[in-house]
Amino acid sequence: MFVNSAKKTDISFVDLSELMKAFLDSYDPSMTENVVVAKTAEFKERVLQIENVITFLAAALEKVRSGLDETLSR
């Protein structure tokens, strides 16, 4: 289930391998925790970057649509 969901979000093979190794091959819970905490922070940063791009695109779309409205009303 997790692997399929992860693939749909374009998580890299390296990231996925690292997470799976931490869960399946690690006998050190603190190492597993460190990997999970680091990957969670990394993915949250990616989400923030994507949200910033979405905000920019929404503003650009609004500007384009405003220009279209002005062109159509002439």
PDB file of N, CA and C in Angstrom:
ATOM      1  N   MET A   1       0.822  -1.188   0.000  1.00  0.00           N
ATOM      2  CA  MET A   1       0.000   0.000   0.000  1.00  0.00           C
ATOM      3  C   MET A   1       0.869   1.257   0.000  1.00  0.00           C
ATOM      4  N   PHE A   2       1.808   1.352   0.928  1.00  0.00           N
ATOM      5  CA  PHE A   2       2.671   2.530   1.002  1.00  0.00           C
ATOM      6  C   PHE A   2       3.484   2.693  -0.273  1.00  0.00           C
ATOM      7  N   VAL A   3       4.055   1.609  -0.764  1.00  0.00           N
ATOM      8  CA  VAL A   3       4.901   1.684  -1.957  1.00  0.00           C
ATOM      9  C   VAL A   3       4.092   2.197  -3.151  1.00  0.00           C
ATOM     10  N   ASN A   4       2.892   1.675  -3.340  1.00  0.00           N
ATOM     11  CA  ASN A   4       2.055   2.135  -4.451  1.00  0.00           C
ATOM     12  C   ASN A   4       1.707   3.609  -4.307  1.00  0.00           C
ATOM     13  N   SER A   5       1.344   4.032  -3.112  1.00  0.00           N
ATOM     14  CA  SER A   5       1.032   5.449  -2.884  1.00  0.00           C
ATOM     15  C   SER A   5       2.261   6.317  -3.119  1.00  0.00           C
ATOM     16  N   ALA A   6       3.400   5.867  -2.653  1.00  0.00           N
ATOM     17  CA  ALA A   6       4.638   6.622  -2.821  1.00  0.00           C
ATOM     18  C   ALA A   6       4.994   6.781  -4.297  1.00  0.00           C
ATOM     19  N   LYS A   7       4.834   5.723  -5.067  1.00  0.00           N
ATOM     20  CA  LYS A   7       5.128   5.787  -6.501  1.00  0.00           C
ATOM     21  C   LYS A   7       4.246   6.809  -7.197  1.00  0.00           C
ATOM     22  N   LYS A   8       3.001   6.916  -6.792  1.00  0.00           N
ATOM     23  CA  LYS A   8       2.070   7.866  -7.414  1.00  0.00           C
ATOM     24  C   LYS A   8       2.455   9.310  -7.135  1.00  0.00           C
ATOM     25  N   THR A   9       3.233   9.550  -6.098  1.00  0.00           N
ATOM     26  CA  THR A   9       3.656  10.906  -5.775  1.00  0.00           C
ATOM     27  C   THR A   9       5.059  11.214  -6.298  1.00  0.00           C
ATOM     28  N   ASP A  10       5.573  10.340  -7.125  1.00  0.00           N
ATOM     29  CA  ASP A  10       6.895  10.518  -7.737  1.00  0.00           C
ATOM     30  C   ASP A  10       8.038  10.560  -6.735  1.00  0.00           C
ATOM     31  N   ILE A  11       7.908   9.843  -5.654  1.00  0.00           N
ATOM     32  CA  ILE A  11       9.032   9.709  -4.727  1.00  0.00           C
ATOM     33  C   ILE A  11      10.121   8.942  -5.466  1.00  0.00           C
ATOM     34  N   SER A  12      11.336   9.427  -5.377  1.00  0.00           N
ATOM     35  CA  SER A  12      12.432   8.793  -6.109  1.00  0.00           C
ATOM     36  C   SER A  12      12.698   7.394  -5.575  1.00  0.00           C
ATOM     37  N   PHE A  13      13.287   6.596  -6.435  1.00  0.00           N
ATOM     38  CA  PHE A  13      13.647   5.234  -6.043  1.00  0.00           C
ATOM     39  C   PHE A  13      14.617   5.256  -4.867  1.00  0.00           C
ATOM     40  N   VAL A  14      15.538   6.197  -4.880  1.00  0.00           N
ATOM     41  CA  VAL A  14      16.523   6.306  -3.791  1.00  0.00           C
ATOM     42  C   VAL A  14      15.819   6.598  -2.462  1.00  0.00           C
ATOM     43  N   ASP A  15      14.871   7.556  -2.473  1.00  0.00           N
ATOM     44  CA  ASP A  15      14.131   7.877  -1.252  1.00  0.00           C
ATOM     45  C   ASP A  15      13.322   6.678  -0.778  1.00  0.00           C
ATOM     46  N   LEU A  16      12.655   6.041  -1.714  1.00  0.00           N
ATOM     47  CA  LEU A  16      11.847   4.878  -1.367  1.00  0.00           C
ATOM     48  C   LEU A  16      12.715   3.758  -0.811  1.00  0.00           C
ATOM     49  N   SER A  17      13.852   3.530  -1.431  1.00  0.00           N
ATOM     50  CA  SER A  17      14.778   2.495  -0.953  1.00  0.00           C
ATOM     51  C   SER A  17      15.259   2.791   0.453  1.00  0.00           C
ATOM     52  N   GLU A  18      15.588   4.058   0.676  1.00  0.00           N
ATOM     53  CA  GLU A  18      16.085   4.462   1.993  1.00  0.00           C
ATOM     54  C   GLU A  18      15.026   4.234   3.069  1.00  0.00           C
ATOM     55  N   LEU A  19      13.784   4.597   2.754  1.00  0.00           N
ATOM     56  CA  LEU A  19      12.711   4.389   3.721  1.00  0.00           C
ATOM     57  C   LEU A  19      12.453   2.903   3.964  1.00  0.00           C
ATOM     58  N   MET A  20      12.404   2.134   2.893  1.00  0.00           N
ATOM     59  CA  MET A  20      12.138   0.700   3.040  1.00  0.00           C
ATOM     60  C   MET A  20      13.271   0.023   3.807  1.00  0.00           C
ATOM     61  N   LYS A  21      14.497   0.409   3.499  1.00  0.00           N
ATOM     62  CA  LYS A  21      15.650  -0.167   4.215  1.00  0.00           C
ATOM     63  C   LYS A  21      15.569   0.169   5.703  1.00  0.00           C
ATOM     64  N   ALA A  22      15.192   1.395   6.002  1.00  0.00           N
ATOM     65  CA  ALA A  22      15.088   1.815   7.408  1.00  0.00           C
ATOM     66  C   ALA A  22      14.065   0.963   8.143  1.00  0.00           C
ATOM     67  N   PHE A  23      12.949   0.660   7.476  1.00  0.00           N
ATOM     68  CA  PHE A  23      11.914  -0.144   8.123  1.00  0.00           C
ATOM     69  C   PHE A  23      12.236  -1.627   8.155  1.00  0.00           C
ATOM     70  N   LEU A  24      12.783  -2.135   7.068  1.00  0.00           N
ATOM     71  CA  LEU A  24      12.934  -3.586   6.941  1.00  0.00           C
ATOM     72  C   LEU A  24      14.288  -4.116   7.393  1.00  0.00           C
ATOM     73  N   ASP A  25      15.338  -3.337   7.214  1.00  0.00           N
ATOM     74  CA  ASP A  25      16.684  -3.847   7.467  1.00  0.00           C
ATOM     75  C   ASP A  25      17.324  -3.307   8.728  1.00  0.00           C
ATOM     76  N   SER A  26      16.734  -2.318   9.332  1.00  0.00           N
ATOM     77  CA  SER A  26      17.364  -1.689  10.477  1.00  0.00           C
ATOM     78  C   SER A  26      16.906  -2.350  11.772  1.00  0.00           C
ATOM     79  N   TYR A  27      17.880  -2.682  12.560  1.00  0.00           N
ATOM     80  CA  TYR A  27      17.574  -3.215  13.885  1.00  0.00           C
ATOM     81  C   TYR A  27      17.749  -2.128  14.939  1.00  0.00           C
ATOM     82  N   ASP A  28      18.041  -0.929  14.467  1.00  0.00           N
ATOM     83  CA  ASP A  28      18.255   0.204  15.357  1.00  0.00           C
ATOM     84  C   ASP A  28      17.083   1.170  15.204  1.00  0.00           C
ATOM     85  N   PRO A  29      16.151   1.175  16.154  1.00  0.00           N
ATOM     86  CA  PRO A  29      14.982   2.053  16.048  1.00  0.00           C
ATOM     87  C   PRO A  29      15.341   3.530  15.917  1.00  0.00           C
ATOM     88  N   SER A  30      16.424   3.962  16.540  1.00  0.00           N
ATOM     89  CA  SER A  30      16.793   5.375  16.438  1.00  0.00           C
ATOM     90  C   SER A  30      17.239   5.717  15.021  1.00  0.00           C
ATOM     91  N   MET A  31      17.886   4.787  14.324  1.00  0.00           N
ATOM     92  CA  MET A  31      18.273   5.021  12.937  1.00  0.00           C
ATOM     93  C   MET A  31      17.028   5.136  12.057  1.00  0.00           C
ATOM     94  N   THR A  32      16.074   4.245  12.280  1.00  0.00           N
ATOM     95  CA  THR A  32      14.828   4.287  11.530  1.00  0.00           C
ATOM     96  C   THR A  32      14.124   5.608  11.788  1.00  0.00           C
ATOM     97  N   GLU A  33      14.067   6.026  13.032  1.00  0.00           N
ATOM     98  CA  GLU A  33      13.428   7.295  13.375  1.00  0.00           C
ATOM     99  C   GLU A  33      14.121   8.456  12.675  1.00  0.00           C
ATOM    100  N   ASN A  34      15.442   8.464  12.668  1.00  0.00           N
ATOM    101  CA  ASN A  34      16.189   9.543  12.021  1.00  0.00           C
ATOM    102  C   ASN A  34      15.869   9.627  10.526  1.00  0.00           C
ATOM    103  N   VAL A  35      15.816   8.482   9.857  1.00  0.00           N
ATOM    104  CA  VAL A  35      15.507   8.466   8.427  1.00  0.00           C
ATOM    105  C   VAL A  35      14.096   8.990   8.192  1.00  0.00           C
ATOM    106  N   VAL A  36      13.139   8.517   8.981  1.00  0.00           N
ATOM    107  CA  VAL A  36      11.745   8.924   8.804  1.00  0.00           C
ATOM    108  C   VAL A  36      11.582  10.424   9.086  1.00  0.00           C
ATOM    109  N   VAL A  37      12.206  10.918  10.127  1.00  0.00           N
ATOM    110  CA  VAL A  37      12.122  12.350  10.460  1.00  0.00           C
ATOM    111  C   VAL A  37      12.750  13.184   9.339  1.00  0.00           C
ATOM    112  N   ALA A  38      13.900  12.768   8.848  1.00  0.00           N
ATOM    113  CA  ALA A  38      14.580  13.513   7.783  1.00  0.00           C
ATOM    114  C   ALA A  38      13.754  13.518   6.501  1.00  0.00           C
ATOM    115  N   LYS A  39      13.216  12.366   6.125  1.00  0.00           N
ATOM    116  CA  LYS A  39      12.413  12.280   4.904  1.00  0.00           C
ATOM    117  C   LYS A  39      11.117  13.074   5.048  1.00  0.00           C
ATOM    118  N   THR A  40      10.519  13.051   6.224  1.00  0.00           N
ATOM    119  CA  THR A  40       9.300  13.830   6.446  1.00  0.00           C
ATOM    120  C   THR A  40       9.590  15.313   6.256  1.00  0.00           C
ATOM    121  N   ALA A  41      10.684  15.788   6.810  1.00  0.00           N
ATOM    122  CA  ALA A  41      11.064  17.209   6.657  1.00  0.00           C
ATOM    123  C   ALA A  41      11.329  17.531   5.185  1.00  0.00           C
ATOM    124  N   GLU A  42      12.005  16.635   4.501  1.00  0.00           N
ATOM    125  CA  GLU A  42      12.309  16.841   3.084  1.00  0.00           C
ATOM    126  C   GLU A  42      11.023  16.918   2.255  1.00  0.00           C
ATOM    127  N   PHE A  43      10.086  16.016   2.513  1.00  0.00           N
ATOM    128  CA  PHE A  43       8.835  16.000   1.757  1.00  0.00           C
ATOM    129  C   PHE A  43       7.978  17.225   2.090  1.00  0.00           C
ATOM    130  N   LYS A  44       8.000  17.673   3.332  1.00  0.00           N
ATOM    131  CA  LYS A  44       7.263  18.888   3.695  1.00  0.00           C
ATOM    132  C   LYS A  44       7.834  20.096   2.956  1.00  0.00           C
ATOM    133  N   GLU A  45       9.146  20.144   2.801  1.00  0.00           N
ATOM    134  CA  GLU A  45       9.778  21.225   2.051  1.00  0.00           C
ATOM    135  C   GLU A  45       9.353  21.172   0.587  1.00  0.00           C
ATOM    136  N   ARG A  46       9.287  19.971   0.024  1.00  0.00           N
ATOM    137  CA  ARG A  46       8.815  19.829  -1.360  1.00  0.00           C
ATOM    138  C   ARG A  46       7.380  20.327  -1.498  1.00  0.00           C
ATOM    139  N   VAL A  47       6.538  19.975  -0.541  1.00  0.00           N
ATOM    140  CA  VAL A  47       5.139  20.429  -0.561  1.00  0.00           C
ATOM    141  C   VAL A  47       5.090  21.949  -0.531  1.00  0.00           C
ATOM    142  N   LEU A  48       5.891  22.569   0.313  1.00  0.00           N
ATOM    143  CA  LEU A  48       5.940  24.034   0.405  1.00  0.00           C
ATOM    144  C   LEU A  48       6.357  24.637  -0.933  1.00  0.00           C
ATOM    145  N   GLN A  49       7.356  24.057  -1.567  1.00  0.00           N
ATOM    146  CA  GLN A  49       7.801  24.542  -2.871  1.00  0.00           C
ATOM    147  C   GLN A  49       6.691  24.413  -3.911  1.00  0.00           C
ATOM    148  N   ILE A  50       5.994  23.298  -3.906  1.00  0.00           N
ATOM    149  CA  ILE A  50       4.887  23.091  -4.844  1.00  0.00           C
ATOM    150  C   ILE A  50       3.768  24.088  -4.570  1.00  0.00           C
ATOM    151  N   GLU A  51       3.455  24.317  -3.308  1.00  0.00           N
ATOM    152  CA  GLU A  51       2.419  25.297  -2.958  1.00  0.00           C
ATOM    153  C   GLU A  51       2.802  26.697  -3.453  1.00  0.00           C
ATOM    154  N   ASN A  52       4.082  27.042  -3.356  1.00  0.00           N
ATOM    155  CA  ASN A  52       4.543  28.342  -3.848  1.00  0.00           C
ATOM    156  C   ASN A  52       4.367  28.452  -5.364  1.00  0.00           C
ATOM    157  N   VAL A  53       4.661  27.388  -6.075  1.00  0.00           N
ATOM    158  CA  VAL A  53       4.478  27.384  -7.531  1.00  0.00           C
ATOM    159  C   VAL A  53       2.994  27.506  -7.870  1.00  0.00           C
ATOM    160  N   ILE A  54       2.150  26.788  -7.138  1.00  0.00           N
ATOM    161  CA  ILE A  54       0.701  26.869  -7.378  1.00  0.00           C
ATOM    162  C   ILE A  54       0.199  28.291  -7.142  1.00  0.00           C
ATOM    163  N   THR A  55       0.660  28.935  -6.090  1.00  0.00           N
ATOM    164  CA  THR A  55       0.271  30.310  -5.805  1.00  0.00           C
ATOM    165  C   THR A  55       0.698  31.244  -6.932  1.00  0.00           C
ATOM    166  N   PHE A  56       1.919  31.077  -7.408  1.00  0.00           N
ATOM    167  CA  PHE A  56       2.409  31.888  -8.523  1.00  0.00           C
ATOM    168  C   PHE A  56       1.564  31.662  -9.772  1.00  0.00           C
ATOM    169  N   LEU A  57       1.291  30.403 -10.080  1.00  0.00           N
ATOM    170  CA  LEU A  57       0.508  30.087 -11.272  1.00  0.00           C
ATOM    171  C   LEU A  57      -0.918  30.633 -11.178  1.00  0.00           C
ATOM    172  N   ALA A  58      -1.504  30.558  -9.997  1.00  0.00           N
ATOM    173  CA  ALA A  58      -2.851  31.097  -9.812  1.00  0.00           C
ATOM    174  C   ALA A  58      -2.860  32.607 -10.047  1.00  0.00           C
ATOM    175  N   ALA A  59      -1.846  33.299  -9.555  1.00  0.00           N
ATOM    176  CA  ALA A  59      -1.747  34.750  -9.772  1.00  0.00           C
ATOM    177  C   ALA A  59      -1.535  35.051 -11.254  1.00  0.00           C
ATOM    178  N   ALA A  60      -0.698  34.265 -11.909  1.00  0.00           N
ATOM    179  CA  ALA A  60      -0.459  34.458 -13.340  1.00  0.00           C
ATOM    180  C   ALA A  60      -1.739  34.215 -14.137  1.00  0.00           C
ATOM    181  N   LEU A  61      -2.469  33.186 -13.773  1.00  0.00           N
ATOM    182  CA  LEU A  61      -3.728  32.882 -14.455  1.00  0.00           C
ATOM    183  C   LEU A  61      -4.729  34.017 -14.275  1.00  0.00           C
ATOM    184  N   GLU A  62      -4.795  34.554 -13.073  1.00  0.00           N
ATOM    185  CA  GLU A  62      -5.696  35.677 -12.801  1.00  0.00           C
ATOM    186  C   GLU A  62      -5.320  36.884 -13.666  1.00  0.00           C
ATOM    187  N   LYS A  63      -4.027  37.130 -13.772  1.00  0.00           N
ATOM    188  CA  LYS A  63      -3.559  38.252 -14.591  1.00  0.00           C
ATOM    189  C   LYS A  63      -3.912  38.019 -16.062  1.00  0.00           C
ATOM    190  N   VAL A  64      -3.712  36.819 -16.548  1.00  0.00           N
ATOM    191  CA  VAL A  64      -4.048  36.490 -17.936  1.00  0.00           C
ATOM    192  C   VAL A  64      -5.548  36.651 -18.170  1.00  0.00           C
ATOM    193  N   ARG A  65      -6.333  36.129 -17.242  1.00  0.00           N
ATOM    194  CA  ARG A  65      -7.789  36.231 -17.394  1.00  0.00           C
ATOM    195  C   ARG A  65      -8.259  37.687 -17.340  1.00  0.00           C
ATOM    196  N   SER A  66      -7.648  38.495 -16.521  1.00  0.00           N
ATOM    197  CA  SER A  66      -7.999  39.925 -16.456  1.00  0.00           C
ATOM    198  C   SER A  66      -7.715  40.584 -17.797  1.00  0.00           C
ATOM    199  N   GLY A  67      -6.593  40.242 -18.389  1.00  0.00           N
ATOM    200  CA  GLY A  67      -6.236  40.777 -19.701  1.00  0.00           C
ATOM    201  C   GLY A  67      -7.206  40.312 -20.764  1.00  0.00           C
ATOM    202  N   LEU A  68      -7.660  39.075 -20.663  1.00  0.00           N
ATOM    203  CA  LEU A  68      -8.629  38.563 -21.618  1.00  0.00           C
ATOM    204  C   LEU A  68      -9.959  39.284 -21.475  1.00  0.00           C
ATOM    205  N   ASP A  69     -10.355  39.531 -20.230  1.00  0.00           N
ATOM    206  CA  ASP A  69     -11.608  40.248 -19.980  1.00  0.00           C
ATOM    207  C   ASP A  69     -11.550  41.645 -20.594  1.00  0.00           C
ATOM    208  N   GLU A  70     -10.411  42.322 -20.448  1.00  0.00           N
ATOM    209  CA  GLU A  70     -10.266  43.656 -21.013  1.00  0.00           C
ATOM    210  C   GLU A  70     -10.318  43.602 -22.533  1.00  0.00           C
ATOM    211  N   THR A  71      -9.690  42.587 -23.119  1.00  0.00           N
ATOM    212  CA  THR A  71      -9.673  42.438 -24.579  1.00  0.00           C
ATOM    213  C   THR A  71     -11.065  42.143 -25.100  1.00  0.00           C
ATOM    214  N   LEU A  72     -11.807  41.316 -24.410  1.00  0.00           N
ATOM    215  CA  LEU A  72     -13.146  40.941 -24.852  1.00  0.00           C
ATOM    216  C   LEU A  72     -14.148  42.079 -24.709  1.00  0.00           C
ATOM    217  N   SER A  73     -13.934  42.980 -23.760  1.00  0.00           N
ATOM    218  CA  SER A  73     -14.892  44.054 -23.528  1.00  0.00           C
ATOM    219  C   SER A  73     -14.662  45.240 -24.476  1.00  0.00           C
ATOM    220  N   ARG A  74     -13.624  45.211 -25.250  1.00  0.00           N
ATOM    221  CA  ARG A  74     -13.345  46.322 -26.181  1.00  0.00           C
ATOM    222  C   ARG A  74     -14.162  46.239 -27.415  1.00  0.00           C
TER     223      ARG A  74
END
